[in-house]
């Protein structure tokens, strides 16, 4: 199998070829390795040389033989370096598999490498001092978003059909928007966070992946969803497997749409236009669309997002080997310093803000089936727009959160509330850059998101778009 032929297939398509005996899993792996080697010099999206051999996996799993890369901020794979994109953690190696990694192995996914991420995942740009900038296959002068930026670049370029990603404030959806992918953030409790983490970011972090097709997202969610017994958050299982539910008609839905950021930051006109066009497609399909938005304040979203920042800092401070502050980027040093000074009353204030956001979103979605927004507020930013190592006086962790939310003001609210959300590649700018549109549903309704995503994929297909750097 040649890399170009390999890149024409999504994960489900590759698995079907392997199952039919038209190509072997070894041939697919060889093609994937050549594909990764061909695009990575341009993209700078891999942290390490490719694994030799690939990580072990069940040869009879539902996605057996399908190539995968995992992100350098989880899921940990036993024996693999795990540095969270930081120079300060160089040499750290994971001692156990994350439960999600266990499920990837059981699904038969062939893990070939590790993708780049910003330091500690606290950025919407994947441009760490450790790895340097990861470049966008649509325009090498622009960023890929973050924090799952390396994963997004490799999937968009066709080097792998899917990749692990996680999302604490938009880290699946923002790179999906920047790179033209399907980026599903599962709802709270849908995917596991253990065994070493009991409550990831106060319930605001979701583990999953990035794909090019809706059916791949559905099949991957079937393979990895469900909590570990005893986890604090657990979402009820779906009525049908997601791979089946995407073929079902969701019926006539009540859809709210907004293009206004809760913070009041300006939204690029091309991004607005893509969101309005998506709403028009929904009307054409037969859904009822109304301009409306949940009653949220930017300050509540920022305050609640500080729970993720503080939990990140606390995890680093509790680690067996404390990082050398001189090797940390400037914002990470501030995060560690402010975490040590964060009081119980401040934690309670942030939790109160989280509850206000959760109630506001929950109440809003009693009147609507879906909310449609832009994914980010602008086109993929040029490199250097979000400098995590900026050591200017007066900066703080909170001011950093406000800064990245100027680029991505729409995503974090739904980490705070725990609702499932997905970014779809529904727009394209005059410059040829992808523009993502976000759909949000009520708790437990990943099936509805995937059903509507499948309707979009049929009505306005995106599979024919290829970036300039591709296999």
Protein backbone atom coordinates (compact mmCIF):
# COMPACT_ATOMS: atom_id res chain seq x y z
CA UNK A 1 0.00 0.00 0.00
CA UNK A 2 1.39 3.37 -1.04
CA UNK A 3 1.09 6.32 1.38
CA UNK A 4 -1.18 8.28 -0.97
CA UNK A 5 -3.63 5.36 -1.20
CA UNK A 6 -3.42 4.88 2.56
CA UNK A 7 -4.25 8.54 3.17
CA UNK A 8 -7.41 8.29 1.07
CA UNK A 9 -9.03 6.07 3.71
CA UNK A 10 -10.34 6.93 7.15
CA UNK A 11 -9.91 4.55 10.08
CA UNK A 12 -13.10 2.61 9.38
CA UNK A 13 -12.12 2.28 5.74
CA UNK A 14 -8.64 1.00 6.59
CA UNK A 15 -10.07 -1.52 9.05
CA UNK A 16 -12.48 -2.78 6.38
CA UNK A 17 -9.61 -3.31 3.92
CA UNK A 18 -7.63 -5.23 6.54
CA UNK A 19 -10.65 -7.35 7.56
CA UNK A 20 -11.37 -8.21 3.91
CA UNK A 21 -7.78 -9.32 3.36
CA UNK A 22 -7.19 -6.69 0.67
CA UNK A 23 -4.22 -5.36 2.61
CA UNK A 24 -2.41 -6.57 5.70
CA UNK A 25 -2.06 -4.69 8.96
CA UNK A 26 1.71 -4.73 8.41
CA UNK A 27 1.30 -3.05 5.02
CA UNK A 28 -0.92 -0.36 6.55
CA UNK A 29 1.62 0.25 9.30
CA UNK A 30 4.45 0.53 6.78
CA UNK A 31 2.45 3.05 4.74
CA UNK A 32 1.68 5.04 7.86
CA UNK A 33 5.33 5.17 8.84
CA UNK A 34 6.28 6.46 5.40
CA UNK A 35 3.45 9.00 5.55
CA UNK A 36 4.55 10.29 8.96
CA UNK A 37 8.14 10.53 7.82
CA UNK A 38 7.11 12.45 4.70
CA UNK A 39 5.11 15.24 6.38
CA UNK A 40 6.75 15.67 9.77
CA UNK A 41 9.81 17.62 8.54
CA UNK A 42 7.41 20.36 7.41
CA UNK A 43 4.99 20.13 10.35
CA UNK A 44 7.23 19.42 13.36
CA UNK A 45 4.38 17.48 14.96
CA UNK A 46 6.17 14.46 16.48
CA UNK A 47 8.04 14.62 19.79
CA UNK A 48 10.12 11.47 19.34
CA UNK A 49 11.28 9.13 16.61
CA UNK A 50 8.53 6.69 15.65
CA UNK A 51 8.15 3.79 18.06
CA UNK A 52 10.02 0.66 17.02
CA UNK A 53 8.09 -1.57 17.33
CA UNK A 54 4.63 -0.04 17.63
CA UNK A 55 2.97 -0.35 21.04
CA UNK A 56 1.28 -3.70 21.52
CA UNK A 57 -2.43 -3.96 20.70
CA UNK A 58 -5.15 -6.58 20.33
CA UNK A 59 -5.05 -7.90 16.74
CA UNK A 60 -8.75 -8.77 16.97
CA UNK A 61 -9.99 -5.39 18.24
CA UNK A 62 -12.70 -3.46 16.37
CA UNK A 63 -10.12 -1.04 14.91
CA UNK A 64 -7.26 -3.54 14.68
CA UNK A 65 -4.44 -2.39 12.43
CA UNK A 66 -5.45 1.28 12.33
CA UNK A 67 -2.51 3.65 13.01
CA UNK A 68 -2.64 6.13 15.92
CA UNK A 69 -0.45 8.71 17.59
CA UNK A 70 -0.83 9.76 21.24
CA UNK A 71 -0.32 13.23 22.64
CA UNK A 72 2.51 14.24 24.97
CA UNK A 73 0.03 15.06 27.71
CA UNK A 74 -1.71 11.73 27.98
CA UNK A 75 -2.84 9.07 27.74
CA UNK A 76 0.29 7.77 29.37
CA UNK A 77 1.69 4.62 27.81
CA UNK A 78 3.82 2.47 30.08
CA UNK A 79 7.52 2.84 29.26
CA UNK A 80 7.03 5.85 26.96
CA UNK A 81 8.47 9.31 27.81
CA UNK A 82 5.79 11.58 29.22
CA UNK A 83 6.94 15.16 29.53
CA UNK A 84 3.84 17.37 29.07
CA UNK A 85 5.74 19.38 26.48
CA UNK A 86 8.20 20.64 29.07
CA UNK A 87 11.98 20.83 29.10
CA UNK A 88 11.76 20.52 32.88
CA UNK A 89 10.36 16.99 32.68
CA UNK A 90 12.88 15.65 30.18
CA UNK A 91 13.60 12.01 30.99
CA UNK A 92 10.27 11.28 32.70
CA UNK A 93 8.75 7.95 31.67
CA UNK A 94 5.24 6.70 32.33
CA UNK A 95 5.11 3.79 34.75
CA UNK A 96 1.58 2.63 33.89
CA UNK A 97 -0.95 2.82 31.09
CA UNK A 98 -3.73 5.39 31.36
CA UNK A 99 -7.09 3.63 31.13
CA UNK A 100 -7.68 5.29 27.75
CA UNK A 101 -4.40 3.78 26.52
CA UNK A 102 -5.60 0.37 27.72
CA UNK A 103 -8.74 0.86 25.64
CA UNK A 104 -6.77 2.02 22.60
CA UNK A 105 -4.78 -1.20 22.85
CA UNK A 106 -7.94 -3.30 23.25
CA UNK A 107 -9.43 -1.63 20.17
CA UNK A 108 -6.41 -2.81 18.19
CA UNK A 109 -5.10 0.67 17.41
CA UNK A 110 -1.45 0.61 16.36
CA UNK A 111 0.30 3.39 18.27
CA UNK A 112 3.24 4.60 16.21
CA UNK A 113 4.36 7.82 17.87
CA UNK A 114 3.75 10.77 20.12
CA UNK A 115 2.46 14.20 19.04
CA UNK A 116 3.55 17.64 20.20
CA UNK A 117 1.74 19.72 22.81
CA UNK A 118 2.41 23.06 24.54
CA UNK A 119 3.94 22.99 28.00
CA UNK A 120 1.40 21.52 30.44
CA UNK A 121 -1.31 21.95 27.80
CA UNK A 122 -2.17 25.49 28.88
CA UNK A 123 -2.17 27.16 25.47
CA UNK A 124 -4.20 27.44 22.29
CA UNK A 125 -0.88 27.38 20.39
CA UNK A 126 1.42 24.36 20.07
CA UNK A 127 4.72 26.22 20.15
CA UNK A 128 6.62 25.04 23.22
CA UNK A 129 10.24 25.92 23.89
CA UNK A 130 10.92 22.22 24.07
CA UNK A 131 9.70 21.30 20.59
CA UNK A 132 9.40 24.60 18.73
CA UNK A 133 6.34 25.55 16.68
CA UNK A 134 4.15 22.89 15.12
CA UNK A 135 3.15 24.21 11.70
CA UNK A 136 -0.27 24.16 10.07
CA UNK A 137 -0.47 21.97 6.95
CA UNK A 138 -2.85 24.53 5.38
CA UNK A 139 -0.35 27.39 5.82
CA UNK A 140 3.03 26.78 7.42
CA UNK A 141 3.16 30.38 8.69
CA UNK A 142 0.18 29.74 10.96
CA UNK A 143 -0.37 27.75 14.12
CA UNK A 144 -2.36 24.58 14.58
CA UNK A 145 -4.16 25.59 17.76
CA UNK A 146 -3.66 23.82 21.02
CA UNK A 147 -3.16 21.99 23.04
CA UNK A 148 -3.68 18.94 20.78
CA UNK A 149 -1.88 20.70 17.94
CA UNK A 150 0.56 18.01 16.84
CA UNK A 151 -2.26 15.49 16.67
CA UNK A 152 -4.35 17.84 14.52
CA UNK A 153 -1.51 18.58 12.11
CA UNK A 154 -0.81 14.89 11.48
CA UNK A 155 -4.46 13.92 11.00
CA UNK A 156 -5.12 16.88 8.69
CA UNK A 157 -2.09 15.99 6.57
CA UNK A 158 -3.32 12.39 6.21
CA UNK A 159 -0.38 10.87 8.09
CA UNK A 160 -2.76 9.08 10.50
CA UNK A 161 -6.54 8.75 10.21
CA UNK A 162 -7.08 9.61 13.87
CA UNK A 163 -5.09 10.67 16.89
CA UNK A 164 -5.48 10.92 20.62
CA UNK A 165 -6.36 14.38 21.95
CA UNK A 166 -7.69 15.84 25.17
CA UNK A 167 -9.57 19.00 26.02
CA UNK A 168 -9.48 21.21 29.13
CA UNK A 169 -10.78 24.43 27.60
CA UNK A 170 -10.93 23.77 23.87
CA UNK A 171 -7.83 21.67 23.24
CA UNK A 172 -9.63 19.24 20.92
CA UNK A 173 -11.98 21.71 19.23
CA UNK A 174 -9.56 24.61 18.69
CA UNK A 175 -7.00 22.48 16.76
CA UNK A 176 -9.88 20.85 14.87
CA UNK A 177 -11.01 24.30 13.74
CA UNK A 178 -7.48 25.40 12.80
CA UNK A 179 -6.76 22.23 10.83
CA UNK A 180 -10.14 21.33 9.30
CA UNK A 181 -11.07 18.27 11.37
CA UNK A 182 -13.88 16.70 13.35
CA UNK A 183 -13.10 17.48 17.00
CA UNK A 184 -15.50 15.89 19.47
CA UNK A 185 -15.15 16.75 23.15
CA UNK A 186 -17.15 14.11 25.01
CA UNK A 187 -19.26 15.19 27.96
CA UNK A 188 -18.23 14.86 31.58
CA UNK A 189 -17.91 11.22 32.58
CA UNK A 190 -18.12 9.81 29.05
CA UNK A 191 -14.45 8.78 28.83
CA UNK A 192 -12.13 7.66 31.64
CA UNK A 193 -9.60 9.81 33.48
CA UNK A 194 -7.87 7.19 35.67
CA UNK A 195 -6.14 5.29 37.05
CA UNK A 196 -3.77 7.91 38.47
CA UNK A 197 -6.14 10.87 38.16
CA UNK A 198 -9.42 10.82 40.04
CA UNK A 199 -10.88 14.13 38.90
CA UNK A 200 -9.18 15.73 35.91
CA UNK A 201 -9.30 19.50 36.25
CA UNK A 202 -12.32 19.44 38.57
CA UNK A 203 -14.22 17.51 35.90
CA UNK A 204 -13.35 19.93 33.09
CA UNK A 205 -10.88 17.75 31.14
CA UNK A 206 -12.09 15.20 28.59
CA UNK A 207 -9.96 12.56 26.87
CA UNK A 208 -10.73 11.49 23.31
CA UNK A 209 -9.32 12.14 19.82
CA UNK A 210 -9.34 13.95 16.48
CA UNK A 211 -10.64 12.48 13.22
CA UNK A 212 -11.33 13.47 9.63
CA UNK A 213 -14.75 11.80 9.44
CA UNK A 214 -17.81 11.59 11.63
CA UNK A 215 -17.98 7.81 11.44
CA UNK A 216 -14.43 7.54 12.77
CA UNK A 217 -15.40 9.71 15.74
CA UNK A 218 -18.40 7.46 16.39
CA UNK A 219 -16.42 4.21 16.16
CA UNK A 220 -13.64 5.59 18.34
CA UNK A 221 -16.13 6.72 20.98
CA UNK A 222 -17.68 3.25 21.00
CA UNK A 223 -14.22 1.81 21.61
CA UNK A 224 -13.18 4.02 24.53
CA UNK A 225 -16.30 5.39 26.26
CA UNK A 226 -17.41 4.48 29.76
CA UNK A 227 -15.88 5.32 33.14
CA UNK A 228 -13.69 3.16 35.32
CA UNK A 229 -15.66 1.66 38.19
CA UNK A 230 -15.60 4.08 41.10
CA UNK A 231 -14.82 7.25 39.14
CA UNK A 232 -16.54 10.37 40.43
CA UNK A 233 -18.24 11.18 37.13
CA UNK A 234 -20.09 8.63 35.01
CA UNK A 235 -22.30 9.35 32.00
CA UNK A 236 -25.20 7.00 31.28
CA UNK A 237 -24.48 4.62 28.39
CA UNK A 238 -26.11 5.47 25.05
CA UNK A 239 -29.23 3.64 23.86
CA UNK A 240 -27.38 2.50 20.73
CA UNK A 241 -23.72 2.21 19.78
CA UNK A 242 -22.60 5.52 18.36
CA UNK A 243 -21.62 3.87 15.09
CA UNK A 244 -25.27 2.84 14.68
CA UNK A 245 -26.83 6.03 15.98
CA UNK A 246 -25.16 8.21 13.32
CA UNK A 247 -27.42 6.53 10.77
CA UNK A 248 -30.56 7.54 12.68
CA UNK A 249 -32.64 10.61 11.91
CA UNK A 250 -32.53 12.98 14.90
CA UNK A 251 -35.91 14.45 13.94
CA UNK A 252 -36.74 18.13 13.76
CA UNK A 253 -34.52 19.91 16.27
CA UNK A 254 -34.71 23.25 18.07
CA UNK A 255 -31.40 24.96 17.35
CA UNK A 256 -30.03 28.15 18.90
CA UNK A 257 -27.26 30.05 17.13
CA UNK A 258 -25.00 32.87 18.26
CA UNK A 259 -21.89 34.48 16.79
CA UNK A 260 -21.31 36.84 19.72
CA UNK A 261 -18.64 35.98 22.28
CA UNK A 262 -19.70 36.24 25.93
CA UNK A 263 -16.56 38.26 26.60
CA UNK A 264 -17.40 40.78 23.89
CA UNK A 265 -14.17 40.14 21.95
CA UNK A 266 -14.57 40.71 18.21
CA UNK A 267 -15.23 37.75 15.92
CA UNK A 268 -13.68 37.66 12.45
CA UNK A 269 -16.35 38.33 9.78
CA UNK A 270 -15.39 35.18 7.87
CA UNK A 271 -15.87 33.13 11.03
CA UNK A 272 -19.27 34.75 11.61
CA UNK A 273 -20.25 34.01 8.02
CA UNK A 274 -19.32 30.34 8.34
CA UNK A 275 -21.45 30.00 11.47
CA UNK A 276 -24.43 31.75 9.86
CA UNK A 277 -24.06 29.51 6.79
CA UNK A 278 -24.06 26.42 9.03
CA UNK A 279 -27.29 27.62 10.64
CA UNK A 280 -28.81 28.06 7.19
CA UNK A 281 -27.86 24.50 6.29
CA UNK A 282 -29.64 23.29 9.42
CA UNK A 283 -32.75 25.20 8.37
CA UNK A 284 -32.51 23.68 4.89
CA UNK A 285 -32.28 20.20 6.45
CA UNK A 286 -35.49 20.95 8.33
CA UNK A 287 -34.49 22.09 11.80
CA UNK A 288 -35.86 25.20 13.52
CA UNK A 289 -33.12 27.79 14.05
CA UNK A 290 -33.38 30.75 16.42
CA UNK A 291 -30.81 33.42 17.41
CA UNK A 292 -30.20 32.80 21.12
CA UNK A 293 -27.40 32.31 23.64
CA UNK A 294 -27.04 31.10 27.22
CA UNK A 295 -26.76 33.76 29.91
CA UNK A 296 -23.04 33.54 30.64
CA UNK A 297 -20.42 35.98 31.84
CA UNK A 298 -16.83 35.87 30.69
CA UNK A 299 -15.64 36.39 34.27
CA UNK A 300 -17.42 33.25 35.47
CA UNK A 301 -15.86 31.20 32.65
CA UNK A 302 -12.38 32.58 33.40
CA UNK A 303 -12.80 32.04 37.15
CA UNK A 304 -13.96 28.46 36.66
CA UNK A 305 -11.14 27.79 34.18
CA UNK A 306 -8.70 28.67 36.96
CA UNK A 307 -9.66 25.33 38.51
CA UNK A 308 -7.90 23.61 35.61
CA UNK A 309 -4.87 25.87 36.02
CA UNK A 310 -4.63 25.24 39.76
CA UNK A 311 -5.15 21.50 39.41
CA UNK A 312 -2.37 21.42 36.80
CA UNK A 313 -0.04 23.30 39.11
CA UNK A 314 -0.96 21.05 42.04
CA UNK A 315 -0.28 17.91 40.00
CA UNK A 316 3.19 19.19 39.13
CA UNK A 317 3.91 20.18 42.72
CA UNK A 318 2.87 16.71 43.93
CA UNK A 319 4.98 14.89 41.35
CA UNK A 320 7.83 12.71 42.70
CA UNK A 321 10.41 14.89 40.93
CA UNK A 322 9.76 18.63 41.08
CA UNK A 323 10.65 20.43 37.84
CA UNK A 324 13.54 22.87 37.73
CA UNK A 325 11.84 26.31 37.57
CA UNK A 326 14.69 27.59 35.38
CA UNK A 327 13.60 25.17 32.66
CA UNK A 328 9.94 26.15 32.77
CA UNK A 329 8.32 28.67 30.46
CA UNK A 330 7.23 31.93 32.07
CA UNK A 331 3.52 31.13 32.37
CA UNK A 332 4.27 27.75 33.94
CA UNK A 333 6.39 29.47 36.58
CA UNK A 334 3.47 31.78 37.33
CA UNK A 335 1.07 28.82 37.49
CA UNK A 336 3.25 27.03 40.05
CA UNK A 337 3.75 30.15 42.13
CA UNK A 338 0.06 31.08 42.14
CA UNK A 339 -1.04 27.50 42.86
CA UNK A 340 1.01 27.53 46.06
CA UNK A 341 -0.76 30.72 47.14
CA UNK A 342 -4.29 29.71 46.10
CA UNK A 343 -6.52 29.55 49.19
CA UNK A 344 -9.45 27.29 49.99
CA UNK A 345 -11.77 30.30 49.73
CA UNK A 346 -10.48 31.01 46.23
CA UNK A 347 -11.09 27.40 45.25
CA UNK A 348 -14.64 27.68 46.56
CA UNK A 349 -15.17 30.90 44.59
CA UNK A 350 -14.00 29.17 41.42
CA UNK A 351 -16.30 26.22 42.12
CA UNK A 352 -19.20 28.63 42.60
CA UNK A 353 -18.41 30.12 39.19
CA UNK A 354 -18.34 26.63 37.70
CA UNK A 355 -21.77 25.92 39.15
CA UNK A 356 -23.18 29.18 37.75
CA UNK A 357 -21.93 28.33 34.27
CA UNK A 358 -23.17 24.74 34.52
CA UNK A 359 -26.65 25.85 35.60
CA UNK A 360 -26.85 28.54 32.92
CA UNK A 361 -25.93 26.13 30.13
CA UNK A 362 -28.18 23.40 31.51
CA UNK A 363 -31.15 25.73 31.80
CA UNK A 364 -30.58 27.07 28.28
CA UNK A 365 -30.52 23.57 26.79
CA UNK A 366 -33.91 22.73 28.28
CA UNK A 367 -35.30 25.03 25.60
CA UNK A 368 -33.07 23.96 22.72
CA UNK A 369 -31.63 20.69 21.44
CA UNK A 370 -28.45 22.26 20.09
CA UNK A 371 -26.43 25.44 20.38
CA UNK A 372 -24.35 26.52 17.37
CA UNK A 373 -21.40 28.92 17.75
CA UNK A 374 -18.06 29.59 16.08
CA UNK A 375 -15.35 27.31 17.42
CA UNK A 376 -12.74 30.07 17.70
CA UNK A 377 -13.16 33.77 17.08
CA UNK A 378 -10.62 34.19 14.30
CA UNK A 379 -8.70 32.41 11.56
CA UNK A 380 -5.73 30.23 12.62
CA UNK A 381 -3.33 32.76 14.18
CA UNK A 382 0.24 33.27 12.92
CA UNK A 383 3.03 31.73 14.94
CA UNK A 384 3.96 33.75 17.99
CA UNK A 385 0.49 35.18 18.59
CA UNK A 386 0.17 33.37 21.93
CA UNK A 387 3.63 33.43 23.54
CA UNK A 388 3.49 31.20 26.62
CA UNK A 389 7.04 32.23 27.56
CA UNK A 390 6.25 35.96 27.68
CA UNK A 391 7.82 37.18 30.92
CA UNK A 392 6.41 40.71 30.78
CA UNK A 393 5.78 42.36 34.18
CA UNK A 394 2.26 42.20 35.54
CA UNK A 395 1.34 38.92 33.87
CA UNK A 396 -0.54 36.28 35.86
CA UNK A 397 -2.13 32.89 35.22
CA UNK A 398 -5.55 34.55 35.16
CA UNK A 399 -4.45 37.20 32.64
CA UNK A 400 -3.01 34.40 30.49
CA UNK A 401 -6.37 32.61 30.49
CA UNK A 402 -8.06 35.84 29.41
CA UNK A 403 -5.48 36.22 26.63
CA UNK A 404 -6.03 32.79 25.11
CA UNK A 405 -9.79 33.23 25.43
CA UNK A 406 -9.48 36.27 23.18
CA UNK A 407 -8.51 33.80 20.44
CA UNK A 408 -10.90 31.05 21.52
CA UNK A 409 -13.78 32.60 23.46
CA UNK A 410 -16.44 29.97 22.71
CA UNK A 411 -15.10 26.60 23.86
CA UNK A 412 -14.16 26.73 27.54
CA UNK A 413 -17.69 27.34 28.83
CA UNK A 414 -18.60 23.78 27.86
CA UNK A 415 -15.61 22.28 29.65
CA UNK A 416 -16.81 24.17 32.70
CA UNK A 417 -20.38 22.92 32.27
CA UNK A 418 -19.31 19.44 31.14
CA UNK A 419 -21.54 19.39 28.04
CA UNK A 420 -20.50 17.46 24.94
CA UNK A 421 -19.43 19.67 22.05
CA UNK A 422 -17.98 19.15 18.59
CA UNK A 423 -16.15 21.33 16.07
CA UNK A 424 -16.90 20.59 12.42
CA UNK A 425 -14.91 21.90 9.41
CA UNK A 426 -17.85 23.68 7.81
CA UNK A 427 -16.18 26.85 6.53
CA UNK A 428 -13.22 27.93 4.45
CA UNK A 429 -11.76 31.41 4.37
CA UNK A 430 -10.82 33.41 1.30
CA UNK A 431 -7.22 32.47 2.13
CA UNK A 432 -8.15 28.79 1.91
CA UNK A 433 -7.96 28.24 5.68
CA UNK A 434 -10.42 25.98 7.50
CA UNK A 435 -13.06 27.50 9.75
CA UNK A 436 -14.71 25.38 12.43
CA UNK A 437 -18.26 25.64 13.71
CA UNK A 438 -19.11 24.32 17.19
CA UNK A 439 -22.23 22.36 18.14
CA UNK A 440 -23.15 21.87 21.81
CA UNK A 441 -25.75 19.46 23.21
CA UNK A 442 -27.23 18.56 26.58
CA UNK A 443 -25.46 16.16 28.93
CA UNK A 444 -25.35 12.63 27.59
CA UNK A 445 -26.21 13.60 24.01
CA UNK A 446 -23.04 12.79 22.13
CA UNK A 447 -25.32 10.68 19.94
CA UNK A 448 -27.27 13.77 18.89
CA UNK A 449 -24.08 15.70 18.11
CA UNK A 450 -22.84 12.86 15.93
CA UNK A 451 -26.19 12.49 14.17
CA UNK A 452 -26.27 16.17 13.22
CA UNK A 453 -22.58 16.07 12.32
CA UNK A 454 -23.40 13.22 9.94
CA UNK A 455 -26.16 15.34 8.39
CA UNK A 456 -23.65 18.16 7.83
CA UNK A 457 -21.10 15.74 6.38
CA UNK A 458 -23.66 14.63 3.81
CA UNK A 459 -25.04 18.10 3.06
CA UNK A 460 -21.73 19.99 2.85
CA UNK A 461 -19.00 17.32 2.56
CA UNK A 462 -15.47 18.32 3.47
CA UNK A 463 -13.54 15.17 2.50
CA UNK A 464 -12.39 16.66 -0.80
CA UNK A 465 -10.44 19.49 0.87
CA UNK A 466 -6.74 18.78 1.27
CA UNK A 467 -4.09 21.04 2.80
CA UNK A 468 -0.99 22.03 0.87
CA UNK A 469 1.13 19.73 3.06
CA UNK A 470 -0.43 16.30 2.80
CA UNK A 471 0.52 12.72 2.10
